[in-house]
Amino acid sequence: MWKLYKWDGNYIQGELISKHSSEDAALKKAAKTISYTFADKVKRNKETLIWLDDKEHSPVGVIVKKTRG
């Protein structure tokens, strides 16, 4: 499950915008709701993060997918 979060002024992972079953759907929703310019994909232990940044490279949101196992 891919979850799209928007920066709420305090936290990057502050406001949950939507949940999606595919990465492409989450990126399309992010393009409509969050005005971002750069996207960086990072894989950690059991989660995948896509950091969404604006023109000045300051974070405006994140897409998170946690995997089982």
C-alpha atoms as a PDB file:
ATOM      1  CA  MET A   1       0.000   0.000   0.000  1.00  0.00           C
ATOM      2  CA  TRP A   2       1.494   3.315  -1.112  1.00  0.00           C
ATOM      3  CA  LYS A   3       0.604   6.239   1.185  1.00  0.00           C
ATOM      4  CA  LEU A   4       0.959   9.874   0.124  1.00  0.00           C
ATOM      5  CA  TYR A   5       1.762  12.392   2.861  1.00  0.00           C
ATOM      6  CA  LYS A   6       1.940  16.182   2.638  1.00  0.00           C
ATOM      7  CA  TRP A   7       4.054  18.521   4.752  1.00  0.00           C
ATOM      8  CA  ASP A   8       1.826  20.156   7.379  1.00  0.00           C
ATOM      9  CA  GLY A   9       4.205  22.862   8.591  1.00  0.00           C
ATOM     10  CA  ASN A  10       5.872  20.747  11.261  1.00  0.00           C
ATOM     11  CA  TYR A  11       6.351  17.246   9.857  1.00  0.00           C
ATOM     12  CA  ILE A  12       7.119  15.960   6.352  1.00  0.00           C
ATOM     13  CA  GLN A  13       4.942  12.919   7.001  1.00  0.00           C
ATOM     14  CA  GLY A  14       2.219  15.078   8.520  1.00  0.00           C
ATOM     15  CA  GLU A  15      -1.069  14.983   6.615  1.00  0.00           C
ATOM     16  CA  LEU A  16      -2.221  11.761   4.926  1.00  0.00           C
ATOM     17  CA  ILE A  17      -3.567  12.671   1.485  1.00  0.00           C
ATOM     18  CA  SER A  18      -4.401   9.262  -0.022  1.00  0.00           C
ATOM     19  CA  LYS A  19      -3.632   5.527  -0.240  1.00  0.00           C
ATOM     20  CA  HIS A  20      -2.910   3.704  -3.502  1.00  0.00           C
ATOM     21  CA  SER A  21      -2.178   0.179  -4.669  1.00  0.00           C
ATOM     22  CA  SER A  22       0.473   1.216  -7.220  1.00  0.00           C
ATOM     23  CA  GLU A  23       3.419   3.589  -7.275  1.00  0.00           C
ATOM     24  CA  ASP A  24       2.254   5.247 -10.502  1.00  0.00           C
ATOM     25  CA  ALA A  25      -1.147   6.096  -9.044  1.00  0.00           C
ATOM     26  CA  ALA A  26       0.492   7.652  -5.978  1.00  0.00           C
ATOM     27  CA  LEU A  27       2.819   9.765  -8.141  1.00  0.00           C
ATOM     28  CA  LYS A  28      -0.095  10.961 -10.305  1.00  0.00           C
ATOM     29  CA  LYS A  29      -2.068  11.994  -7.218  1.00  0.00           C
ATOM     30  CA  ALA A  30       1.011  13.758  -5.836  1.00  0.00           C
ATOM     31  CA  ALA A  31       1.413  15.701  -9.073  1.00  0.00           C
ATOM     32  CA  LYS A  32      -2.198  16.897  -8.799  1.00  0.00           C
ATOM     33  CA  THR A  33      -2.230  17.813  -5.095  1.00  0.00           C
ATOM     34  CA  ILE A  34       1.393  18.708  -4.249  1.00  0.00           C
ATOM     35  CA  SER A  35       3.452  20.948  -6.500  1.00  0.00           C
ATOM     36  CA  TYR A  36       6.792  19.147  -6.473  1.00  0.00           C
ATOM     37  CA  THR A  37       9.725  19.312  -8.892  1.00  0.00           C
ATOM     38  CA  PHE A  38      12.069  16.537  -7.755  1.00  0.00           C
ATOM     39  CA  ALA A  39      11.399  12.977  -6.576  1.00  0.00           C
ATOM     40  CA  ASP A  40      14.071  10.792  -4.956  1.00  0.00           C
ATOM     41  CA  LYS A  41      13.395   7.088  -4.365  1.00  0.00           C
ATOM     42  CA  VAL A  42      15.121   5.495  -1.366  1.00  0.00           C
ATOM     43  CA  LYS A  43      14.840   1.870  -0.212  1.00  0.00           C
ATOM     44  CA  ARG A  44      15.466   1.147   3.457  1.00  0.00           C
ATOM     45  CA  ASN A  45      15.058  -2.087   5.433  1.00  0.00           C
ATOM     46  CA  LYS A  46      11.369  -2.874   4.924  1.00  0.00           C
ATOM     47  CA  GLU A  47      10.102   0.337   3.386  1.00  0.00           C
ATOM     48  CA  THR A  48      10.375   2.349   0.196  1.00  0.00           C
ATOM     49  CA  LEU A  49      10.325   6.149   0.410  1.00  0.00           C
ATOM     50  CA  ILE A  50       9.847   8.633  -2.410  1.00  0.00           C
ATOM     51  CA  TRP A  51      10.809  12.101  -1.199  1.00  0.00           C
ATOM     52  CA  LEU A  52       9.031  14.950  -2.998  1.00  0.00           C
ATOM     53  CA  ASP A  53      10.930  18.269  -3.152  1.00  0.00           C
ATOM     54  CA  ASP A  54      10.144  21.697  -4.595  1.00  0.00           C
ATOM     55  CA  LYS A  55      12.372  23.928  -6.767  1.00  0.00           C
ATOM     56  CA  GLU A  56      14.656  24.871  -3.855  1.00  0.00           C
ATOM     57  CA  HIS A  57      15.022  21.187  -2.871  1.00  0.00           C
ATOM     58  CA  SER A  58      13.049  21.662   0.330  1.00  0.00           C
ATOM     59  CA  PRO A  59      10.768  18.704   1.118  1.00  0.00           C
ATOM     60  CA  VAL A  60       7.033  19.123   0.532  1.00  0.00           C
ATOM     61  CA  GLY A  61       5.867  15.520   0.893  1.00  0.00           C
ATOM     62  CA  VAL A  62       6.687  11.829   0.899  1.00  0.00           C
ATOM     63  CA  ILE A  63       5.255   8.600  -0.495  1.00  0.00           C
ATOM     64  CA  VAL A  64       5.758   5.565   1.766  1.00  0.00           C
ATOM     65  CA  LYS A  65       5.373   1.840   1.143  1.00  0.00           C
ATOM     66  CA  LYS A  66       6.031  -0.638   3.932  1.00  0.00           C
ATOM     67  CA  THR A  67       6.602  -4.257   2.972  1.00  0.00           C
ATOM     68  CA  ARG A  68       6.033  -7.376   5.013  1.00  0.00           C
ATOM     69  CA  GLY A  69       8.429 -10.139   5.767  1.00  0.00           C
END
